[in-house]
Amino acid sequence: MTARMPFQYVVLRCVPRVDREEFVNVGVVVYCQQAEVLEARCHVDRDRLVALSPDVDVDAVCSALAAVEAVCRGDESAGAAGRAARGTRFGFVKAPRSTVVQPGPVHGGTTTDPSAELEHLLDRLVR
């Protein structure tokens, strides 16, 4: 039997108009220290975003999500954030911000496979 490991995750939200507090889930980030995993998966439903806010810049949202994915991967293109330790990078990603792409609250659980858990969460909470 494979041991269960603790993990944390945040759902990434697109909030086109912060003043209205309406959002569409657009991604999930999973962090499992024990398995040395920090991964992000994103899915943007353009039609849902435009229905929520017709003037939303969907390309800018996709660009912001690509930056989050780069930080999680530890890409050099993410600058200092990409070079930081995995736990520190998760701290950057989960930090509250007032931008179009925002992290939701941090949740936790246990899993035997953090990558499979990420796909499950993406299917359940985003797609």
Protein backbone atom coordinates (compact mmCIF):
# COMPACT_ATOMS: atom_id res chain seq x y z
CA MET A 1 0.00 0.00 0.00
CA THR A 2 1.30 3.43 -0.95
CA ALA A 3 1.52 5.92 1.88
CA ARG A 4 -0.71 8.97 1.76
CA MET A 5 1.06 12.32 1.79
CA PRO A 6 -0.29 15.71 2.85
CA PHE A 7 -0.74 18.31 0.14
CA GLN A 8 -2.11 21.83 -0.24
CA TYR A 9 -3.87 23.41 -3.18
CA VAL A 10 -5.30 26.70 -4.34
CA VAL A 11 -7.81 27.34 -7.09
CA LEU A 12 -6.83 30.16 -9.43
CA ARG A 13 -9.66 32.53 -10.25
CA CYS A 14 -10.18 35.09 -12.96
CA VAL A 15 -11.80 38.17 -11.39
CA PRO A 16 -12.38 40.56 -14.31
CA ARG A 17 -13.93 43.26 -12.10
CA VAL A 18 -12.65 43.15 -8.55
CA ASP A 19 -15.39 45.55 -7.43
CA ARG A 20 -18.09 43.01 -8.38
CA GLU A 21 -16.34 40.06 -6.68
CA GLU A 22 -17.47 37.68 -9.43
CA PHE A 23 -15.04 35.09 -10.71
CA VAL A 24 -14.50 32.04 -12.89
CA ASN A 25 -12.14 29.26 -11.80
CA VAL A 26 -9.31 28.98 -14.32
CA GLY A 27 -6.67 26.76 -12.71
CA VAL A 28 -5.39 24.74 -9.77
CA VAL A 29 -1.99 24.66 -8.07
CA VAL A 30 -0.96 21.64 -5.98
CA TYR A 31 1.97 21.63 -3.55
CA CYS A 32 3.19 18.45 -1.86
CA GLN A 33 6.41 19.01 0.07
CA GLN A 34 6.96 15.31 0.79
CA ALA A 35 6.79 14.36 -2.90
CA GLU A 36 8.66 17.52 -3.97
CA VAL A 37 5.78 18.51 -6.24
CA LEU A 38 4.59 22.00 -7.16
CA GLU A 39 2.41 21.90 -10.25
CA ALA A 40 -0.20 24.11 -11.88
CA ARG A 41 -2.76 23.24 -14.52
CA CYS A 42 -5.00 25.84 -16.13
CA HIS A 43 -8.06 25.79 -18.34
CA VAL A 44 -9.63 28.99 -19.63
CA ASP A 45 -13.20 28.85 -20.90
CA ARG A 46 -13.22 31.98 -23.07
CA ASP A 47 -16.98 31.95 -23.51
CA ARG A 48 -17.61 31.90 -19.74
CA LEU A 49 -15.16 34.74 -19.15
CA VAL A 50 -16.64 36.91 -21.88
CA ALA A 51 -20.17 36.17 -20.61
CA LEU A 52 -19.08 37.36 -17.15
CA SER A 53 -17.26 40.42 -18.44
CA PRO A 54 -17.45 41.24 -22.17
CA ASP A 55 -14.37 43.48 -22.06
CA VAL A 56 -12.05 41.02 -20.27
CA ASP A 57 -8.67 40.63 -21.95
CA VAL A 58 -8.61 36.83 -22.24
CA ASP A 59 -5.11 36.83 -23.72
CA ALA A 60 -3.83 38.74 -20.68
CA VAL A 61 -5.50 36.19 -18.39
CA CYS A 62 -3.82 33.35 -20.30
CA SER A 63 -0.49 35.17 -20.05
CA ALA A 64 -0.86 35.59 -16.28
CA LEU A 65 -1.68 31.89 -15.94
CA ALA A 66 1.35 30.95 -18.03
CA ALA A 67 3.47 33.00 -15.62
CA VAL A 68 2.03 31.08 -12.65
CA GLU A 69 2.81 27.79 -14.40
CA ALA A 70 6.38 28.99 -15.06
CA VAL A 71 6.87 29.89 -11.39
CA CYS A 72 5.59 26.46 -10.34
CA ARG A 73 7.94 24.70 -12.77
CA GLY A 74 10.86 26.79 -11.53
CA ASP A 75 11.54 28.19 -14.99
CA GLU A 76 14.33 30.72 -15.36
CA SER A 77 11.86 32.83 -17.36
CA ALA A 78 10.03 33.48 -14.07
CA GLY A 79 13.03 35.41 -12.75
CA ALA A 80 13.80 35.32 -9.03
CA ALA A 81 10.44 33.67 -8.30
CA GLY A 82 11.36 30.77 -10.57
CA ARG A 83 14.72 30.30 -8.86
CA ALA A 84 13.29 30.24 -5.32
CA ALA A 85 12.79 27.05 -3.33
CA ARG A 86 9.62 25.07 -4.11
CA GLY A 87 7.84 26.04 -0.86
CA THR A 88 8.70 29.70 -1.38
CA ARG A 89 7.33 29.53 -4.94
CA PHE A 90 4.07 28.13 -3.58
CA GLY A 91 4.02 31.04 -1.15
CA PHE A 92 4.31 33.46 -4.07
CA VAL A 93 1.49 31.74 -5.95
CA LYS A 94 -0.93 31.53 -3.00
CA ALA A 95 -0.39 35.12 -1.79
CA PRO A 96 -3.54 37.26 -2.03
CA ARG A 97 -3.51 39.93 -4.72
CA SER A 98 -5.86 42.38 -6.38
CA THR A 99 -5.28 41.42 -9.98
CA VAL A 100 -7.39 39.75 -12.64
CA VAL A 101 -5.95 36.33 -11.71
CA GLN A 102 -6.17 35.61 -7.98
CA PRO A 103 -5.63 32.56 -5.79
CA GLY A 104 -8.54 31.33 -3.70
CA PRO A 105 -8.12 30.05 -0.15
CA VAL A 106 -5.59 27.33 0.60
CA HIS A 107 -7.10 23.87 1.06
CA GLY A 108 -5.42 20.63 2.07
CA GLY A 109 -5.76 16.91 1.99
CA THR A 110 -3.81 13.71 1.57
CA THR A 111 -2.99 11.82 -1.58
CA THR A 112 -0.84 9.00 -2.90
CA ASP A 113 -0.29 10.80 -6.22
CA PRO A 114 -0.13 14.62 -6.23
CA SER A 115 -0.15 14.87 -10.05
CA ALA A 116 -3.25 12.70 -10.34
CA GLU A 117 -4.85 14.75 -7.56
CA LEU A 118 -4.14 17.91 -9.56
CA GLU A 119 -5.93 16.51 -12.62
CA HIS A 120 -8.86 15.40 -10.44
CA LEU A 121 -9.16 18.87 -8.88
CA LEU A 122 -8.92 20.55 -12.28
CA ASP A 123 -11.73 18.37 -13.62
CA ARG A 124 -13.87 18.88 -10.52
CA LEU A 125 -13.33 22.59 -9.89
CA VAL A 126 -12.40 24.22 -13.20
CA ARG A 127 -13.53 22.34 -16.31
